[in-house]
C-alpha atoms as a PDB file:
ATOM      1  CA  UNK A   1      74.243 -21.319-112.261  1.00  0.00           C
ATOM      2  CA  UNK A   2      71.727 -18.488-112.033  1.00  0.00           C
ATOM      3  CA  UNK A   3      71.502 -14.916-113.356  1.00  0.00           C
ATOM      4  CA  UNK A   4      71.456 -12.651-110.299  1.00  0.00           C
ATOM      5  CA  UNK A   5      72.275  -9.130-109.142  1.00  0.00           C
ATOM      6  CA  UNK A   6      75.650  -8.772-107.426  1.00  0.00           C
ATOM      7  CA  UNK A   7      75.600  -7.174-103.972  1.00  0.00           C
ATOM      8  CA  UNK A   8      78.105  -4.937-102.285  1.00  0.00           C
ATOM      9  CA  UNK A   9      79.502  -6.406 -99.092  1.00  0.00           C
ATOM     10  CA  UNK A  10      80.912  -5.041 -95.857  1.00  0.00           C
ATOM     11  CA  UNK A  11      84.654  -4.787 -95.341  1.00  0.00           C
ATOM     12  CA  UNK A  12      84.502  -6.616 -91.999  1.00  0.00           C
ATOM     13  CA  UNK A  13      82.427  -7.986 -89.136  1.00  0.00           C
ATOM     14  CA  UNK A  14      81.317  -6.170 -85.956  1.00  0.00           C
ATOM     15  CA  UNK A  15      82.923  -7.017 -82.643  1.00  0.00           C
ATOM     16  CA  UNK A  16      80.352  -9.406 -81.064  1.00  0.00           C
ATOM     17  CA  UNK A  17      80.590  -7.938 -77.546  1.00  0.00           C
ATOM     18  CA  UNK A  18      80.329  -4.332 -78.726  1.00  0.00           C
ATOM     19  CA  UNK A  19      77.478  -5.265 -81.054  1.00  0.00           C
ATOM     20  CA  UNK A  20      75.500  -6.921 -78.240  1.00  0.00           C
ATOM     21  CA  UNK A  21      76.056  -3.972 -75.882  1.00  0.00           C
ATOM     22  CA  UNK A  22      75.153  -1.332 -78.474  1.00  0.00           C
ATOM     23  CA  UNK A  23      72.123  -3.334 -79.601  1.00  0.00           C
ATOM     24  CA  UNK A  24      70.823  -3.367 -76.006  1.00  0.00           C
ATOM     25  CA  UNK A  25      71.502   0.369 -75.580  1.00  0.00           C
ATOM     26  CA  UNK A  26      69.683   1.035 -78.855  1.00  0.00           C
ATOM     27  CA  UNK A  27      66.645  -0.905 -77.596  1.00  0.00           C
ATOM     28  CA  UNK A  28      66.570   1.350 -74.510  1.00  0.00           C
ATOM     29  CA  UNK A  29      66.812   4.474 -76.683  1.00  0.00           C
ATOM     30  CA  UNK A  30      63.878   3.203 -78.777  1.00  0.00           C
ATOM     31  CA  UNK A  31      61.839   2.751 -75.589  1.00  0.00           C
ATOM     32  CA  UNK A  32      62.668   6.326 -74.523  1.00  0.00           C
ATOM     33  CA  UNK A  33      61.549   7.521 -77.942  1.00  0.00           C
ATOM     34  CA  UNK A  34      58.264   5.588 -77.701  1.00  0.00           C
ATOM     35  CA  UNK A  35      57.564   7.211 -74.319  1.00  0.00           C
ATOM     36  CA  UNK A  36      58.199  10.655 -75.830  1.00  0.00           C
ATOM     37  CA  UNK A  37      61.238  11.415 -73.680  1.00  0.00           C
ATOM     38  CA  UNK A  38      63.619  11.769 -76.623  1.00  0.00           C
ATOM     39  CA  UNK A  39      63.644  12.126 -80.390  1.00  0.00           C
ATOM     40  CA  UNK A  40      65.780   9.426 -81.985  1.00  0.00           C
ATOM     41  CA  UNK A  41      67.381  10.240 -85.350  1.00  0.00           C
ATOM     42  CA  UNK A  42      69.355   7.996 -87.648  1.00  0.00           C
ATOM     43  CA  UNK A  43      72.117   9.802 -89.563  1.00  0.00           C
ATOM     44  CA  UNK A  44      73.835   8.557 -92.674  1.00  0.00           C
ATOM     45  CA  UNK A  45      75.082   9.723 -96.027  1.00  0.00           C
ATOM     46  CA  UNK A  46      74.567   8.303 -99.484  1.00  0.00           C
ATOM     47  CA  UNK A  47      75.256   9.241-103.054  1.00  0.00           C
ATOM     48  CA  UNK A  48      73.128   9.128-106.166  1.00  0.00           C
ATOM     49  CA  UNK A  49      74.657   8.762-109.616  1.00  0.00           C
ATOM     50  CA  UNK A  50      72.979   9.937-112.791  1.00  0.00           C
ATOM     51  CA  UNK A  51      73.941   6.658-114.423  1.00  0.00           C
ATOM     52  CA  UNK A  52      73.384   3.967-111.802  1.00  0.00           C
ATOM     53  CA  UNK A  53      75.263   0.745-112.243  1.00  0.00           C
ATOM     54  CA  UNK A  54      73.568  -2.394-111.000  1.00  0.00           C
ATOM     55  CA  UNK A  55      75.679  -5.334-112.136  1.00  0.00           C
ATOM     56  CA  UNK A  56      74.187  -8.707-112.883  1.00  0.00           C
ATOM     57  CA  UNK A  57      76.040 -11.886-113.761  1.00  0.00           C
ATOM     58  CA  UNK A  58      76.096 -15.642-113.547  1.00  0.00           C
ATOM     59  CA  UNK A  59      76.555 -16.964-110.028  1.00  0.00           C
ATOM     60  CA  UNK A  60      76.726 -20.468-108.618  1.00  0.00           C
ATOM     61  CA  UNK A  61      73.465 -21.487-106.942  1.00  0.00           C
ATOM     62  CA  UNK A  62      73.696 -20.860-103.195  1.00  0.00           C
ATOM     63  CA  UNK A  63      76.561 -18.351-103.628  1.00  0.00           C
ATOM     64  CA  UNK A  64      76.394 -14.568-103.523  1.00  0.00           C
ATOM     65  CA  UNK A  65      79.083 -12.718-105.432  1.00  0.00           C
ATOM     66  CA  UNK A  66      80.033  -9.400-103.834  1.00  0.00           C
ATOM     67  CA  UNK A  67      81.673  -6.448-105.562  1.00  0.00           C
ATOM     68  CA  UNK A  68      83.916  -3.984-103.741  1.00  0.00           C
ATOM     69  CA  UNK A  69      82.535  -0.465-103.359  1.00  0.00           C
ATOM     70  CA  UNK A  70      84.045   2.273-105.507  1.00  0.00           C
ATOM     71  CA  UNK A  71      83.613   6.035-105.856  1.00  0.00           C
ATOM     72  CA  UNK A  72      82.207   7.970-108.813  1.00  0.00           C
ATOM     73  CA  UNK A  73      80.781  11.434-109.506  1.00  0.00           C
ATOM     74  CA  UNK A  74      77.510  11.760-107.697  1.00  0.00           C
ATOM     75  CA  UNK A  75      75.076  13.923-105.771  1.00  0.00           C
ATOM     76  CA  UNK A  76      75.613  13.329-102.045  1.00  0.00           C
ATOM     77  CA  UNK A  77      72.893  13.470 -99.392  1.00  0.00           C
ATOM     78  CA  UNK A  78      73.237  13.571 -95.611  1.00  0.00           C
ATOM     79  CA  UNK A  79      69.996  12.631 -93.894  1.00  0.00           C
ATOM     80  CA  UNK A  80      68.575  12.517 -90.381  1.00  0.00           C
ATOM     81  CA  UNK A  81      65.474  10.311 -90.129  1.00  0.00           C
ATOM     82  CA  UNK A  82      63.301   9.277 -87.198  1.00  0.00           C
ATOM     83  CA  UNK A  83      60.964   6.292 -86.867  1.00  0.00           C
ATOM     84  CA  UNK A  84      57.998   8.479 -87.905  1.00  0.00           C
ATOM     85  CA  UNK A  85      59.861   8.750 -91.252  1.00  0.00           C
ATOM     86  CA  UNK A  86      60.471  12.469 -90.857  1.00  0.00           C
ATOM     87  CA  UNK A  87      63.596  13.254 -92.845  1.00  0.00           C
ATOM     88  CA  UNK A  88      65.907  16.247 -92.695  1.00  0.00           C
ATOM     89  CA  UNK A  89      68.069  16.028 -95.814  1.00  0.00           C
ATOM     90  CA  UNK A  90      71.070  18.090 -96.877  1.00  0.00           C
ATOM     91  CA  UNK A  91      72.285  17.818-100.480  1.00  0.00           C
ATOM     92  CA  UNK A  92      75.872  18.350-101.679  1.00  0.00           C
ATOM     93  CA  UNK A  93      77.728  18.061-104.961  1.00  0.00           C
ATOM     94  CA  UNK A  94      81.097  17.602-103.249  1.00  0.00           C
ATOM     95  CA  UNK A  95      82.402  15.092-100.755  1.00  0.00           C
ATOM     96  CA  UNK A  96      80.851  14.800 -97.331  1.00  0.00           C
ATOM     97  CA  UNK A  97      83.497  15.647 -94.744  1.00  0.00           C
ATOM     98  CA  UNK A  98      83.561  16.287 -91.008  1.00  0.00           C
ATOM     99  CA  UNK A  99      82.951  19.976 -91.715  1.00  0.00           C
ATOM    100  CA  UNK A 100      79.817  19.115 -93.721  1.00  0.00           C
ATOM    101  CA  UNK A 101      78.514  16.834 -90.947  1.00  0.00           C
ATOM    102  CA  UNK A 102      79.187  19.532 -88.334  1.00  0.00           C
ATOM    103  CA  UNK A 103      77.417  22.173 -90.417  1.00  0.00           C
ATOM    104  CA  UNK A 104      74.360  19.950 -90.887  1.00  0.00           C
ATOM    105  CA  UNK A 105      74.189  18.964 -87.210  1.00  0.00           C
ATOM    106  CA  UNK A 106      74.599  22.609 -86.154  1.00  0.00           C
ATOM    107  CA  UNK A 107      71.700  23.601 -88.402  1.00  0.00           C
ATOM    108  CA  UNK A 108      69.597  20.642 -87.234  1.00  0.00           C
ATOM    109  CA  UNK A 109      70.322  21.430 -83.546  1.00  0.00           C
ATOM    110  CA  UNK A 110      68.799  24.911 -83.956  1.00  0.00           C
ATOM    111  CA  UNK A 111      65.344  23.328 -84.374  1.00  0.00           C
ATOM    112  CA  UNK A 112      65.355  20.916 -81.424  1.00  0.00           C
ATOM    113  CA  UNK A 113      62.662  21.134 -78.779  1.00  0.00           C
ATOM    114  CA  UNK A 114      63.443  17.961 -76.815  1.00  0.00           C
ATOM    115  CA  UNK A 115      66.568  15.905 -76.218  1.00  0.00           C
ATOM    116  CA  UNK A 116      67.558  14.284 -79.504  1.00  0.00           C
ATOM    117  CA  UNK A 117      69.913  11.357 -79.899  1.00  0.00           C
ATOM    118  CA  UNK A 118      71.582  11.023 -83.294  1.00  0.00           C
ATOM    119  CA  UNK A 119      72.679   7.517 -84.226  1.00  0.00           C
ATOM    120  CA  UNK A 120      75.814   7.465 -86.404  1.00  0.00           C
ATOM    121  CA  UNK A 121      78.162   4.841 -87.747  1.00  0.00           C
ATOM    122  CA  UNK A 122      81.896   5.011 -87.234  1.00  0.00           C
ATOM    123  CA  UNK A 123      82.864   6.480 -90.598  1.00  0.00           C
ATOM    124  CA  UNK A 124      86.221   8.244 -90.266  1.00  0.00           C
ATOM    125  CA  UNK A 125      84.690  11.695 -90.798  1.00  0.00           C
ATOM    126  CA  UNK A 126      82.128  10.963 -88.044  1.00  0.00           C
ATOM    127  CA  UNK A 127      84.901  10.259 -85.530  1.00  0.00           C
ATOM    128  CA  UNK A 128      87.238  13.128 -86.368  1.00  0.00           C
ATOM    129  CA  UNK A 129      88.760  15.461 -83.798  1.00  0.00           C
ATOM    130  CA  UNK A 130      86.520  18.266 -85.120  1.00  0.00           C
ATOM    131  CA  UNK A 131      83.386  16.195 -84.453  1.00  0.00           C
ATOM    132  CA  UNK A 132      84.534  15.319 -80.917  1.00  0.00           C
ATOM    133  CA  UNK A 133      85.222  19.012 -80.226  1.00  0.00           C
ATOM    134  CA  UNK A 134      81.548  19.794 -81.012  1.00  0.00           C
ATOM    135  CA  UNK A 135      79.970  17.143 -78.763  1.00  0.00           C
ATOM    136  CA  UNK A 136      79.683  19.398 -75.684  1.00  0.00           C
ATOM    137  CA  UNK A 137      78.237  22.251 -77.798  1.00  0.00           C
ATOM    138  CA  UNK A 138      75.593  19.909 -79.154  1.00  0.00           C
ATOM    139  CA  UNK A 139      74.777  18.558 -75.684  1.00  0.00           C
ATOM    140  CA  UNK A 140      74.019  22.133 -74.610  1.00  0.00           C
ATOM    141  CA  UNK A 141      71.570  22.301 -77.543  1.00  0.00           C
ATOM    142  CA  UNK A 142      69.850  18.989 -76.583  1.00  0.00           C
ATOM    143  CA  UNK A 143      71.670  16.898 -79.182  1.00  0.00           C
ATOM    144  CA  UNK A 144      73.663  13.790 -78.273  1.00  0.00           C
ATOM    145  CA  UNK A 145      75.530  11.257 -80.402  1.00  0.00           C
ATOM    146  CA  UNK A 146      75.175   7.472 -80.176  1.00  0.00           C
ATOM    147  CA  UNK A 147      77.885   5.547 -82.056  1.00  0.00           C
ATOM    148  CA  UNK A 148      76.957   2.287 -83.716  1.00  0.00           C
ATOM    149  CA  UNK A 149      79.429  -0.580 -83.723  1.00  0.00           C
ATOM    150  CA  UNK A 150      81.601  -0.875 -86.837  1.00  0.00           C
ATOM    151  CA  UNK A 151      80.160  -2.870 -89.757  1.00  0.00           C
ATOM    152  CA  UNK A 152      76.561  -2.718 -88.467  1.00  0.00           C
ATOM    153  CA  UNK A 153      74.441  -0.957 -91.113  1.00  0.00           C
ATOM    154  CA  UNK A 154      71.448  -3.138 -90.174  1.00  0.00           C
ATOM    155  CA  UNK A 155      71.129  -1.104 -86.944  1.00  0.00           C
ATOM    156  CA  UNK A 156      70.777   2.195 -88.831  1.00  0.00           C
ATOM    157  CA  UNK A 157      67.205   2.533 -90.128  1.00  0.00           C
ATOM    158  CA  UNK A 158      68.070   5.231 -92.665  1.00  0.00           C
ATOM    159  CA  UNK A 159      70.073   2.596 -94.557  1.00  0.00           C
ATOM    160  CA  UNK A 160      66.718   1.031 -95.519  1.00  0.00           C
ATOM    161  CA  UNK A 161      65.527   4.364 -96.942  1.00  0.00           C
ATOM    162  CA  UNK A 162      68.684   4.792 -99.016  1.00  0.00           C
ATOM    163  CA  UNK A 163      68.417   1.208-100.339  1.00  0.00           C
ATOM    164  CA  UNK A 164      64.762   1.726-101.282  1.00  0.00           C
ATOM    165  CA  UNK A 165      65.472   5.053-103.001  1.00  0.00           C
ATOM    166  CA  UNK A 166      68.326   3.582-105.036  1.00  0.00           C
ATOM    167  CA  UNK A 167      66.249   0.577-106.012  1.00  0.00           C
ATOM    168  CA  UNK A 168      63.362   2.748-107.152  1.00  0.00           C
END
């Protein structure tokens, strides 16, 4: 046995074909960003609690115990980050909903100078009817959405920022 921090796990696995396709498309978007043709932004939300809970416990060697995610009172942040580590952050005390995401993307779109692709996961409030109704508006303002495959946080670079901030 060993004394180790428990980790939160994903609720499922990505579809292998969708993952491969999206991974290839993401590589192409990164190349377009490197050439200066687009700005690539990674969008995600996180929450910060005033009393963080990082559970430790005894685990069998070679095993990782995972704890299911749960909700608590927290300060929520929606962020848009690019590979140059420029971050546009929006802070909320309440839940992040489709309306909040739309409001933040509308505000962000006002500042765009070149075509910007926002990478988002498939959270339910990212895929709502209200979000889909805004897609053409955003395209007119040089903002497009790229959907990541389900259960693929490793493809969203802002996840690394959130993990680092919570650890620190």
